[in-house]
Structure formats: C-alpha cells, structure tokens
C-alpha cells in the first residue's frame, strides 16, 4: 500500500513496499500520489539511524533488536551483532548489519528506512524497509 509519511516540519516521504517512491514537501508528494494513505507524525522526519554502539540489554536477542528499533535505528554494526541469535533476530526484523557507519539518505527507490523524533530527541516512530515497526503511543 502506498503511504505518505509526513511530520510537523513539512517534509514528506512516499513509501510503497520496502522502497521510497517520492521525497519532497507534503504538497509535492501528495500531488504525485493522490489518494495515498497519509500518516502524519508530530515531530521531525529523518532517515533512520544506524545504532553504532553495543545493543541495549534485554532478555532475548529479539528484544535487543526491538530496543534498537525503538531508538529510531534500522541498522547495527556487525561488531555488535556478534552471535548467530542476534544476527537471526536482526534478519527476521529487516534490521541491516553493516561493517561500518555510513549515511542513509531518503532517496527515490532507496530502502524506506525513516524515523520521527520529538523535540526532546525521543523516537516517535520507526519505519524499517517500509514497515512501521515502532510507534510511541
């Protein structure tokens, strides 16, 4: 389903499946994709983060990966995903395991990884490969 994500600052990203299909102002993106579902978030919409440190402590590998998603990250460094269980949990959730940090811009046909943060820097929502995987209630 084609979804447009937007936030208070006015930027918008159209997502279809796991890919970004449009980036721009809300008016521009809605003009290109009339009838798309609209998700409007309070805060600032940005590319999702890469979690560069050790993964948060949690009872299970799945919960450790979910904790990363709750921080607005959709990738971890391979040095910190150092067990088969963590790698499997990351793979099942679409979380990338990277050899090192690199920029992750939101571009047409790029992987749809984005996050929304409030004014305090807390993550409101995380989209990983086009799927809404975290939303603060």
Foldseek 3Di string as FASTA:
>chain_A
DWEWEEEDVFWIWIDDQFFTADTDGPVVVCVVPPPHHYDYYYADKFFFDEDEDAFDDDDALLVSQLVSVQLRHQEYEQVRCPDPRNVVSSVVVLRHHHPDDDDDGRDHGGGPWMWGAHPVSGTQWTAHSNRTSDHDD
